[in-house]
PDB file of all heavy atoms in Angstrom:
ATOM      1  N   GLN A   1     -12.321   6.894  -3.880  1.00  0.00           N
ATOM      2  CA  GLN A   1     -11.661   7.715  -4.887  1.00  0.00           C
ATOM      3  C   GLN A   1     -10.803   6.857  -5.825  1.00  0.00           C
ATOM      4  O   GLN A   1     -10.414   5.746  -5.487  1.00  0.00           O
ATOM      5  CB  GLN A   1     -10.806   8.783  -4.211  1.00  0.00           C
ATOM      6  CG  GLN A   1     -11.621   9.763  -3.379  1.00  0.00           C
ATOM      7  CD  GLN A   1     -12.669  10.474  -4.213  1.00  0.00           C
ATOM      8  OE1 GLN A   1     -12.359  11.171  -5.166  1.00  0.00           O
ATOM      9  NE2 GLN A   1     -13.940  10.289  -3.852  1.00  0.00           N
ATOM     10  N   PRO A   2     -10.483   7.387  -7.025  1.00  0.00           N
ATOM     11  CA  PRO A   2      -9.794   6.567  -8.030  1.00  0.00           C
ATOM     12  C   PRO A   2      -8.293   6.474  -7.862  1.00  0.00           C
ATOM     13  O   PRO A   2      -7.635   5.815  -8.672  1.00  0.00           O
ATOM     14  CB  PRO A   2     -10.136   7.288  -9.345  1.00  0.00           C
ATOM     15  CG  PRO A   2     -10.325   8.712  -8.956  1.00  0.00           C
ATOM     16  CD  PRO A   2     -10.962   8.662  -7.592  1.00  0.00           C
ATOM     17  N   ASP A   3      -7.715   7.138  -6.853  1.00  0.00           N
ATOM     18  CA  ASP A   3      -6.263   7.090  -6.718  1.00  0.00           C
ATOM     19  C   ASP A   3      -5.871   7.000  -5.249  1.00  0.00           C
ATOM     20  O   ASP A   3      -6.652   7.280  -4.344  1.00  0.00           O
ATOM     21  CB  ASP A   3      -5.615   8.328  -7.347  1.00  0.00           C
ATOM     22  CG  ASP A   3      -6.004   9.625  -6.642  1.00  0.00           C
ATOM     23  OD1 ASP A   3      -5.399   9.925  -5.593  1.00  0.00           O
ATOM     24  OD2 ASP A   3      -6.914  10.329  -7.116  1.00  0.00           O
ATOM     25  N   VAL A   4      -4.623   6.564  -5.044  1.00  0.00           N
ATOM     26  CA  VAL A   4      -3.933   6.740  -3.777  1.00  0.00           C
ATOM     27  C   VAL A   4      -2.758   7.664  -4.055  1.00  0.00           C
ATOM     28  O   VAL A   4      -2.227   7.684  -5.164  1.00  0.00           O
ATOM     29  CB  VAL A   4      -3.475   5.399  -3.168  1.00  0.00           C
ATOM     30  CG1 VAL A   4      -4.670   4.612  -2.667  1.00  0.00           C
ATOM     31  CG2 VAL A   4      -2.677   4.567  -4.169  1.00  0.00           C
ATOM     32  N   ARG A   5      -2.347   8.446  -3.057  1.00  0.00           N
ATOM     33  CA  ARG A   5      -1.407   9.534  -3.326  1.00  0.00           C
ATOM     34  C   ARG A   5      -0.520   9.804  -2.118  1.00  0.00           C
ATOM     35  O   ARG A   5      -0.873   9.462  -0.986  1.00  0.00           O
ATOM     36  CB  ARG A   5      -2.176  10.812  -3.683  1.00  0.00           C
ATOM     37  CG  ARG A   5      -3.196  11.207  -2.621  1.00  0.00           C
ATOM     38  CD  ARG A   5      -4.010  12.434  -2.971  1.00  0.00           C
ATOM     39  NE  ARG A   5      -4.902  12.238  -4.112  1.00  0.00           N
ATOM     40  CZ  ARG A   5      -5.757  13.164  -4.541  1.00  0.00           C
ATOM     41  NH1 ARG A   5      -5.809  14.350  -3.948  1.00  0.00           N
ATOM     42  NH2 ARG A   5      -6.546  12.923  -5.569  1.00  0.00           N
ATOM     43  N   VAL A   6       0.636  10.415  -2.388  1.00  0.00           N
ATOM     44  CA  VAL A   6       1.544  10.809  -1.310  1.00  0.00           C
ATOM     45  C   VAL A   6       2.147  12.169  -1.634  1.00  0.00           C
ATOM     46  O   VAL A   6       2.217  12.576  -2.797  1.00  0.00           O
ATOM     47  CB  VAL A   6       2.693   9.789  -1.098  1.00  0.00           C
ATOM     48  CG1 VAL A   6       2.155   8.431  -0.705  1.00  0.00           C
ATOM     49  CG2 VAL A   6       3.592   9.699  -2.324  1.00  0.00           C
ATOM     50  N   GLY A   7       2.593  12.870  -0.575  1.00  0.00           N
ATOM     51  CA  GLY A   7       3.320  14.112  -0.750  1.00  0.00           C
ATOM     52  C   GLY A   7       2.440  15.335  -0.700  1.00  0.00           C
ATOM     53  O   GLY A   7       1.345  15.322  -0.142  1.00  0.00           O
ATOM     54  N   THR A   8       2.933  16.394  -1.306  1.00  0.00           N
ATOM     55  CA  THR A   8       2.244  17.680  -1.291  1.00  0.00           C
ATOM     56  C   THR A   8       2.300  18.313  -2.670  1.00  0.00           C
ATOM     57  O   THR A   8       3.312  18.203  -3.372  1.00  0.00           O
ATOM     58  CB  THR A   8       2.885  18.643  -0.269  1.00  0.00           C
ATOM     59  OG1 THR A   8       2.205  19.897  -0.284  1.00  0.00           O
ATOM     60  CG2 THR A   8       4.364  18.873  -0.552  1.00  0.00           C
ATOM     61  N   PHE A   9       1.227  18.970  -3.058  1.00  0.00           N
ATOM     62  CA  PHE A   9       1.186  19.669  -4.347  1.00  0.00           C
ATOM     63  C   PHE A   9       1.390  21.165  -4.189  1.00  0.00           C
ATOM     64  O   PHE A   9       1.522  21.884  -5.184  1.00  0.00           O
ATOM     65  CB  PHE A   9      -0.131  19.396  -5.074  1.00  0.00           C
ATOM     66  CG  PHE A   9      -1.357  19.778  -4.294  1.00  0.00           C
ATOM     67  CD1 PHE A   9      -1.830  21.083  -4.286  1.00  0.00           C
ATOM     68  CD2 PHE A   9      -2.035  18.812  -3.560  1.00  0.00           C
ATOM     69  CE1 PHE A   9      -2.950  21.424  -3.554  1.00  0.00           C
ATOM     70  CE2 PHE A   9      -3.159  19.151  -2.819  1.00  0.00           C
ATOM     71  CZ  PHE A   9      -3.617  20.464  -2.811  1.00  0.00           C
ATOM     72  N   ASP A  10       1.431  21.658  -2.941  1.00  0.00           N
ATOM     73  CA  ASP A  10       1.574  23.093  -2.722  1.00  0.00           C
ATOM     74  C   ASP A  10       2.529  23.442  -1.586  1.00  0.00           C
ATOM     75  O   ASP A  10       2.658  24.602  -1.221  1.00  0.00           O
ATOM     76  CB  ASP A  10       0.205  23.722  -2.447  1.00  0.00           C
ATOM     77  CG  ASP A  10      -0.434  23.231  -1.146  1.00  0.00           C
ATOM     78  OD1 ASP A  10       0.138  22.334  -0.492  1.00  0.00           O
ATOM     79  OD2 ASP A  10      -1.513  23.748  -0.788  1.00  0.00           O
ATOM     80  N   GLY A  11       3.209  22.445  -1.030  1.00  0.00           N
ATOM     81  CA  GLY A  11       4.127  22.678   0.068  1.00  0.00           C
ATOM     82  C   GLY A  11       3.479  22.754   1.429  1.00  0.00           C
ATOM     83  O   GLY A  11       4.172  22.905   2.442  1.00  0.00           O
ATOM     84  N   ALA A  12       2.147  22.643   1.485  1.00  0.00           N
ATOM     85  CA  ALA A  12       1.437  22.759   2.761  1.00  0.00           C
ATOM     86  C   ALA A  12       0.499  21.580   3.004  1.00  0.00           C
ATOM     87  O   ALA A  12       0.544  20.934   4.050  1.00  0.00           O
ATOM     88  CB  ALA A  12       0.654  24.072   2.812  1.00  0.00           C
ATOM     89  N   ILE A  13      -0.380  21.286   2.040  1.00  0.00           N
ATOM     90  CA  ILE A  13      -1.327  20.178   2.169  1.00  0.00           C
ATOM     91  C   ILE A  13      -0.593  18.863   1.912  1.00  0.00           C
ATOM     92  O   ILE A  13       0.112  18.722   0.914  1.00  0.00           O
ATOM     93  CB  ILE A  13      -2.494  20.357   1.188  1.00  0.00           C
ATOM     94  CG1 ILE A  13      -3.308  21.595   1.552  1.00  0.00           C
ATOM     95  CG2 ILE A  13      -3.376  19.112   1.164  1.00  0.00           C
ATOM     96  CD1 ILE A  13      -4.349  21.966   0.515  1.00  0.00           C
ATOM     97  N   VAL A  14      -0.760  17.899   2.800  1.00  0.00           N
ATOM     98  CA  VAL A  14      -0.025  16.629   2.738  1.00  0.00           C
ATOM     99  C   VAL A  14      -0.991  15.467   2.576  1.00  0.00           C
ATOM    100  O   VAL A  14      -2.045  15.422   3.227  1.00  0.00           O
ATOM    101  CB  VAL A  14       0.824  16.426   4.013  1.00  0.00           C
ATOM    102  CG1 VAL A  14       1.477  15.052   4.014  1.00  0.00           C
ATOM    103  CG2 VAL A  14       1.877  17.526   4.118  1.00  0.00           C
ATOM    104  N   ALA A  15      -0.624  14.513   1.714  1.00  0.00           N
ATOM    105  CA  ALA A  15      -1.412  13.288   1.514  1.00  0.00           C
ATOM    106  C   ALA A  15      -0.581  12.058   1.871  1.00  0.00           C
ATOM    107  O   ALA A  15       0.634  12.030   1.665  1.00  0.00           O
ATOM    108  CB  ALA A  15      -1.888  13.191   0.065  1.00  0.00           C
ATOM    109  N   ARG A  16      -1.268  11.066   2.410  1.00  0.00           N
ATOM    110  CA  ARG A  16      -0.695   9.745   2.679  1.00  0.00           C
ATOM    111  C   ARG A  16      -1.726   8.707   2.242  1.00  0.00           C
ATOM    112  O   ARG A  16      -2.892   9.035   2.066  1.00  0.00           O
ATOM    113  CB  ARG A  16      -0.388   9.579   4.167  1.00  0.00           C
ATOM    114  CG  ARG A  16       0.594  10.594   4.729  1.00  0.00           C
ATOM    115  CD  ARG A  16       0.664  10.517   6.238  1.00  0.00           C
ATOM    116  NE  ARG A  16       1.606  11.493   6.790  1.00  0.00           N
ATOM    117  CZ  ARG A  16       1.697  11.784   8.076  1.00  0.00           C
ATOM    118  NH1 ARG A  16       0.894  11.168   8.957  1.00  0.00           N
ATOM    119  NH2 ARG A  16       2.581  12.676   8.498  1.00  0.00           N
ATOM    120  N   SER A  17      -1.300   7.468   2.113  1.00  0.00           N
ATOM    121  CA  SER A  17      -2.231   6.432   1.640  1.00  0.00           C
ATOM    122  C   SER A  17      -2.062   5.139   2.421  1.00  0.00           C
ATOM    123  O   SER A  17      -1.017   4.890   3.029  1.00  0.00           O
ATOM    124  CB  SER A  17      -2.012   6.167   0.143  1.00  0.00           C
ATOM    125  OG  SER A  17      -2.417   7.282  -0.624  1.00  0.00           O
ATOM    126  N   PHE A  18      -3.131   4.321   2.361  1.00  0.00           N
ATOM    127  CA  PHE A  18      -3.151   3.045   3.067  1.00  0.00           C
ATOM    128  C   PHE A  18      -3.671   1.950   2.144  1.00  0.00           C
ATOM    129  O   PHE A  18      -4.611   2.165   1.373  1.00  0.00           O
ATOM    130  CB  PHE A  18      -4.032   3.129   4.310  1.00  0.00           C
ATOM    131  CG  PHE A  18      -3.553   4.133   5.320  1.00  0.00           C
ATOM    132  CD1 PHE A  18      -4.039   5.438   5.322  1.00  0.00           C
ATOM    133  CD2 PHE A  18      -2.591   3.779   6.254  1.00  0.00           C
ATOM    134  CE1 PHE A  18      -3.585   6.365   6.239  1.00  0.00           C
ATOM    135  CE2 PHE A  18      -2.125   4.707   7.181  1.00  0.00           C
ATOM    136  CZ  PHE A  18      -2.622   6.004   7.173  1.00  0.00           C
ATOM    137  N   LEU A  19      -3.049   0.764   2.239  1.00  0.00           N
ATOM    138  CA  LEU A  19      -3.453  -0.409   1.470  1.00  0.00           C
ATOM    139  C   LEU A  19      -3.680  -1.562   2.431  1.00  0.00           C
ATOM    140  O   LEU A  19      -2.906  -1.763   3.371  1.00  0.00           O
ATOM    141  CB  LEU A  19      -2.363  -0.801   0.463  1.00  0.00           C
ATOM    142  CG  LEU A  19      -1.805   0.301  -0.434  1.00  0.00           C
ATOM    143  CD1 LEU A  19      -0.643  -0.245  -1.274  1.00  0.00           C
ATOM    144  CD2 LEU A  19      -2.888   0.860  -1.341  1.00  0.00           C
ATOM    145  N   GLY A  20      -4.743  -2.336   2.197  1.00  0.00           N
ATOM    146  CA  GLY A  20      -5.035  -3.496   3.035  1.00  0.00           C
ATOM    147  C   GLY A  20      -5.017  -4.777   2.219  1.00  0.00           C
ATOM    148  O   GLY A  20      -5.415  -4.785   1.047  1.00  0.00           O
ATOM    149  N   TRP A  21      -4.597  -5.868   2.848  1.00  0.00           N
ATOM    150  CA  TRP A  21      -4.437  -7.138   2.136  1.00  0.00           C
ATOM    151  C   TRP A  21      -5.099  -8.272   2.909  1.00  0.00           C
ATOM    152  O   TRP A  21      -4.908  -8.399   4.117  1.00  0.00           O
ATOM    153  CB  TRP A  21      -2.944  -7.451   1.940  1.00  0.00           C
ATOM    154  CG  TRP A  21      -2.213  -6.302   1.336  1.00  0.00           C
ATOM    155  CD1 TRP A  21      -1.461  -5.371   1.997  1.00  0.00           C
ATOM    156  CD2 TRP A  21      -2.211  -5.915  -0.043  1.00  0.00           C
ATOM    157  NE1 TRP A  21      -0.985  -4.446   1.111  1.00  0.00           N
ATOM    158  CE2 TRP A  21      -1.418  -4.747  -0.145  1.00  0.00           C
ATOM    159  CE3 TRP A  21      -2.796  -6.452  -1.196  1.00  0.00           C
ATOM    160  CZ2 TRP A  21      -1.210  -4.105  -1.358  1.00  0.00           C
ATOM    161  CZ3 TRP A  21      -2.582  -5.811  -2.400  1.00  0.00           C
ATOM    162  CH2 TRP A  21      -1.797  -4.651  -2.474  1.00  0.00           C
ATOM    163  N   GLN A  22      -5.865  -9.090   2.192  1.00  0.00           N
ATOM    164  CA  GLN A  22      -6.504 -10.266   2.776  1.00  0.00           C
ATOM    165  C   GLN A  22      -5.531 -11.434   2.658  1.00  0.00           C
ATOM    166  O   GLN A  22      -5.275 -11.932   1.555  1.00  0.00           O
ATOM    167  CB  GLN A  22      -7.825 -10.535   2.070  1.00  0.00           C
ATOM    168  CG  GLN A  22      -8.811  -9.381   2.220  1.00  0.00           C
ATOM    169  CD  GLN A  22     -10.124  -9.609   1.510  1.00  0.00           C
ATOM    170  OE1 GLN A  22     -10.243 -10.461   0.628  1.00  0.00           O
ATOM    171  NE2 GLN A  22     -11.139  -8.850   1.876  1.00  0.00           N
ATOM    172  N   LEU A  23      -4.994 -11.904   3.786  1.00  0.00           N
ATOM    173  CA  LEU A  23      -3.816 -12.767   3.798  1.00  0.00           C
ATOM    174  C   LEU A  23      -4.094 -14.233   4.084  1.00  0.00           C
ATOM    175  O   LEU A  23      -3.151 -15.011   4.226  1.00  0.00           O
ATOM    176  CB  LEU A  23      -2.821 -12.245   4.849  1.00  0.00           C
ATOM    177  CG  LEU A  23      -2.315 -10.809   4.637  1.00  0.00           C
ATOM    178  CD1 LEU A  23      -1.473 -10.392   5.831  1.00  0.00           C
ATOM    179  CD2 LEU A  23      -1.519 -10.708   3.352  1.00  0.00           C
ATOM    180  N   ALA A  24      -5.347 -14.641   4.158  1.00  0.00           N
ATOM    181  CA  ALA A  24      -5.643 -16.023   4.542  1.00  0.00           C
ATOM    182  C   ALA A  24      -4.947 -17.026   3.632  1.00  0.00           C
ATOM    183  O   ALA A  24      -4.519 -18.097   4.079  1.00  0.00           O
ATOM    184  CB  ALA A  24      -7.153 -16.254   4.531  1.00  0.00           C
ATOM    185  N   GLY A  25      -4.803 -16.708   2.354  1.00  0.00           N
ATOM    186  CA  GLY A  25      -4.177 -17.640   1.407  1.00  0.00           C
ATOM    187  C   GLY A  25      -2.688 -17.813   1.605  1.00  0.00           C
ATOM    188  O   GLY A  25      -2.084 -18.701   0.982  1.00  0.00           O
ATOM    189  N   LEU A  26      -2.069 -17.005   2.451  1.00  0.00           N
ATOM    190  CA  LEU A  26      -0.625 -17.114   2.690  1.00  0.00           C
ATOM    191  C   LEU A  26      -0.285 -17.797   4.011  1.00  0.00           C
ATOM    192  O   LEU A  26       0.890 -18.045   4.289  1.00  0.00           O
ATOM    193  CB  LEU A  26       0.011 -15.717   2.693  1.00  0.00           C
ATOM    194  CG  LEU A  26       0.182 -15.048   1.338  1.00  0.00           C
ATOM    195  CD1 LEU A  26       0.737 -13.645   1.526  1.00  0.00           C
ATOM    196  CD2 LEU A  26       1.120 -15.859   0.450  1.00  0.00           C
ATOM    197  N   ARG A  27      -1.291 -18.110   4.794  1.00  0.00           N
ATOM    198  CA  ARG A  27      -1.032 -18.648   6.124  1.00  0.00           C
ATOM    199  C   ARG A  27      -0.195 -19.925   6.050  1.00  0.00           C
ATOM    200  O   ARG A  27      -0.561 -20.890   5.378  1.00  0.00           O
ATOM    201  CB  ARG A  27      -2.344 -18.916   6.839  1.00  0.00           C
ATOM    202  CG  ARG A  27      -2.205 -19.272   8.305  1.00  0.00           C
ATOM    203  CD  ARG A  27      -3.584 -19.419   8.937  1.00  0.00           C
ATOM    204  NE  ARG A  27      -4.350 -18.174   8.805  1.00  0.00           N
ATOM    205  CZ  ARG A  27      -5.676 -18.125   8.944  1.00  0.00           C
ATOM    206  NH1 ARG A  27      -6.360 -19.228   9.191  1.00  0.00           N
ATOM    207  NH2 ARG A  27      -6.290 -16.962   8.826  1.00  0.00           N
ATOM    208  N   GLY A  28       0.955 -19.917   6.718  1.00  0.00           N
ATOM    209  CA  GLY A  28       1.810 -21.090   6.777  1.00  0.00           C
ATOM    210  C   GLY A  28       2.672 -21.324   5.546  1.00  0.00           C
ATOM    211  O   GLY A  28       3.433 -22.300   5.506  1.00  0.00           O
ATOM    212  N   LYS A  29       2.600 -20.441   4.555  1.00  0.00           N
ATOM    213  CA  LYS A  29       3.393 -20.624   3.341  1.00  0.00           C
ATOM    214  C   LYS A  29       4.831 -20.159   3.563  1.00  0.00           C
ATOM    215  O   LYS A  29       5.104 -19.275   4.377  1.00  0.00           O
ATOM    216  CB  LYS A  29       2.785 -19.836   2.171  1.00  0.00           C
ATOM    217  CG  LYS A  29       1.341 -20.219   1.845  1.00  0.00           C
ATOM    218  CD  LYS A  29       1.238 -21.652   1.367  1.00  0.00           C
ATOM    219  CE  LYS A  29      -0.126 -21.961   0.750  1.00  0.00           C
ATOM    220  NZ  LYS A  29      -1.228 -21.883   1.725  1.00  0.00           N
ATOM    221  N   GLN A  30       5.767 -20.756   2.816  1.00  0.00           N
ATOM    222  CA  GLN A  30       7.172 -20.373   2.873  1.00  0.00           C
ATOM    223  C   GLN A  30       7.422 -19.330   1.786  1.00  0.00           C
ATOM    224  O   GLN A  30       7.603 -19.656   0.617  1.00  0.00           O
ATOM    225  CB  GLN A  30       8.065 -21.595   2.672  1.00  0.00           C
ATOM    226  CG  GLN A  30       7.884 -22.665   3.737  1.00  0.00           C
ATOM    227  CD  GLN A  30       8.708 -23.914   3.452  1.00  0.00           C
ATOM    228  OE1 GLN A  30       9.616 -23.901   2.625  1.00  0.00           O
ATOM    229  NE2 GLN A  30       8.386 -24.996   4.147  1.00  0.00           N
ATOM    230  N   VAL A  31       7.409 -18.086   2.176  1.00  0.00           N
ATOM    231  CA  VAL A  31       7.496 -16.984   1.217  1.00  0.00           C
ATOM    232  C   VAL A  31       8.926 -16.835   0.710  1.00  0.00           C
ATOM    233  O   VAL A  31       9.873 -16.700   1.490  1.00  0.00           O
ATOM    234  CB  VAL A  31       7.029 -15.670   1.868  1.00  0.00           C
ATOM    235  CG1 VAL A  31       7.240 -14.484   0.927  1.00  0.00           C
ATOM    236  CG2 VAL A  31       5.555 -15.776   2.258  1.00  0.00           C
ATOM    237  N   ARG A  32       9.064 -16.872  -0.612  1.00  0.00           N
ATOM    238  CA  ARG A  32      10.370 -16.689  -1.243  1.00  0.00           C
ATOM    239  C   ARG A  32      10.603 -15.243  -1.663  1.00  0.00           C
ATOM    240  O   ARG A  32      11.724 -14.747  -1.582  1.00  0.00           O
ATOM    241  CB  ARG A  32      10.494 -17.609  -2.465  1.00  0.00           C
ATOM    242  CG  ARG A  32      10.599 -19.070  -2.080  1.00  0.00           C
ATOM    243  CD  ARG A  32      10.504 -20.009  -3.263  1.00  0.00           C
ATOM    244  NE  ARG A  32      11.288 -19.598  -4.416  1.00  0.00           N
ATOM    245  CZ  ARG A  32      11.392 -20.319  -5.530  1.00  0.00           C
ATOM    246  NH1 ARG A  32      10.759 -21.481  -5.624  1.00  0.00           N
ATOM    247  NH2 ARG A  32      12.118 -19.882  -6.545  1.00  0.00           N
ATOM    248  N   ARG A  33       9.571 -14.591  -2.157  1.00  0.00           N
ATOM    249  CA  ARG A  33       9.713 -13.193  -2.576  1.00  0.00           C
ATOM    250  C   ARG A  33       8.339 -12.532  -2.576  1.00  0.00           C
ATOM    251  O   ARG A  33       7.329 -13.176  -2.897  1.00  0.00           O
ATOM    252  CB  ARG A  33      10.326 -13.096  -3.978  1.00  0.00           C
ATOM    253  CG  ARG A  33      10.464 -11.638  -4.474  1.00  0.00           C
ATOM    254  CD  ARG A  33      11.125 -11.551  -5.837  1.00  0.00           C
ATOM    255  NE  ARG A  33      11.086 -10.195  -6.361  1.00  0.00           N
ATOM    256  CZ  ARG A  33      11.923  -9.217  -6.032  1.00  0.00           C
ATOM    257  NH1 ARG A  33      12.905  -9.470  -5.177  1.00  0.00           N
ATOM    258  NH2 ARG A  33      11.816  -8.005  -6.551  1.00  0.00           N
ATOM    259  N   ALA A  34       8.296 -11.265  -2.208  1.00  0.00           N
ATOM    260  CA  ALA A  34       7.054 -10.497  -2.253  1.00  0.00           C
ATOM    261  C   ALA A  34       7.363  -9.102  -2.759  1.00  0.00           C
ATOM    262  O   ALA A  34       8.367  -8.492  -2.373  1.00  0.00           O
ATOM    263  CB  ALA A  34       6.400 -10.434  -0.871  1.00  0.00           C
ATOM    264  N   GLU A  35       6.500  -8.604  -3.627  1.00  0.00           N
ATOM    265  CA  GLU A  35       6.699  -7.272  -4.196  1.00  0.00           C
ATOM    266  C   GLU A  35       5.375  -6.533  -4.269  1.00  0.00           C
ATOM    267  O   GLU A  35       4.375  -7.079  -4.738  1.00  0.00           O
ATOM    268  CB  GLU A  35       7.319  -7.366  -5.591  1.00  0.00           C
ATOM    269  CG  GLU A  35       7.599  -6.009  -6.222  1.00  0.00           C
ATOM    270  CD  GLU A  35       8.368  -6.103  -7.526  1.00  0.00           C
ATOM    271  OE1 GLU A  35       9.616  -6.241  -7.471  1.00  0.00           O
ATOM    272  OE2 GLU A  35       7.741  -6.063  -8.606  1.00  0.00           O
ATOM    273  N   LEU A  36       5.376  -5.290  -3.808  1.00  0.00           N
ATOM    274  CA  LEU A  36       4.233  -4.403  -3.969  1.00  0.00           C
ATOM    275  C   LEU A  36       4.343  -3.730  -5.330  1.00  0.00           C
ATOM    276  O   LEU A  36       5.398  -3.197  -5.686  1.00  0.00           O
ATOM    277  CB  LEU A  36       4.239  -3.340  -2.861  1.00  0.00           C
ATOM    278  CG  LEU A  36       3.225  -2.202  -3.002  1.00  0.00           C
ATOM    279  CD1 LEU A  36       1.799  -2.723  -2.876  1.00  0.00           C
ATOM    280  CD2 LEU A  36       3.511  -1.120  -1.971  1.00  0.00           C
ATOM    281  N   GLU A  37       3.244  -3.731  -6.100  1.00  0.00           N
ATOM    282  CA  GLU A  37       3.248  -3.138  -7.428  1.00  0.00           C
ATOM    283  C   GLU A  37       2.118  -2.115  -7.530  1.00  0.00           C
ATOM    284  O   GLU A  37       0.960  -2.414  -7.213  1.00  0.00           O
ATOM    285  CB  GLU A  37       3.120  -4.211  -8.507  1.00  0.00           C
ATOM    286  CG  GLU A  37       4.297  -5.180  -8.485  1.00  0.00           C
ATOM    287  CD  GLU A  37       4.352  -6.084  -9.697  1.00  0.00           C
ATOM    288  OE1 GLU A  37       3.326  -6.193 -10.395  1.00  0.00           O
ATOM    289  OE2 GLU A  37       5.422  -6.670  -9.942  1.00  0.00           O
TER     290      GLU A  37
END
């Protein structure tokens, strides 16, 4: 589907979402800052 979503549009039906990340490029790195956008 074209979107990820959270909450309810009618007070009854609830949506949640999941995101996955391929992290091999970060292995052993000294992370200074990370932000989800």
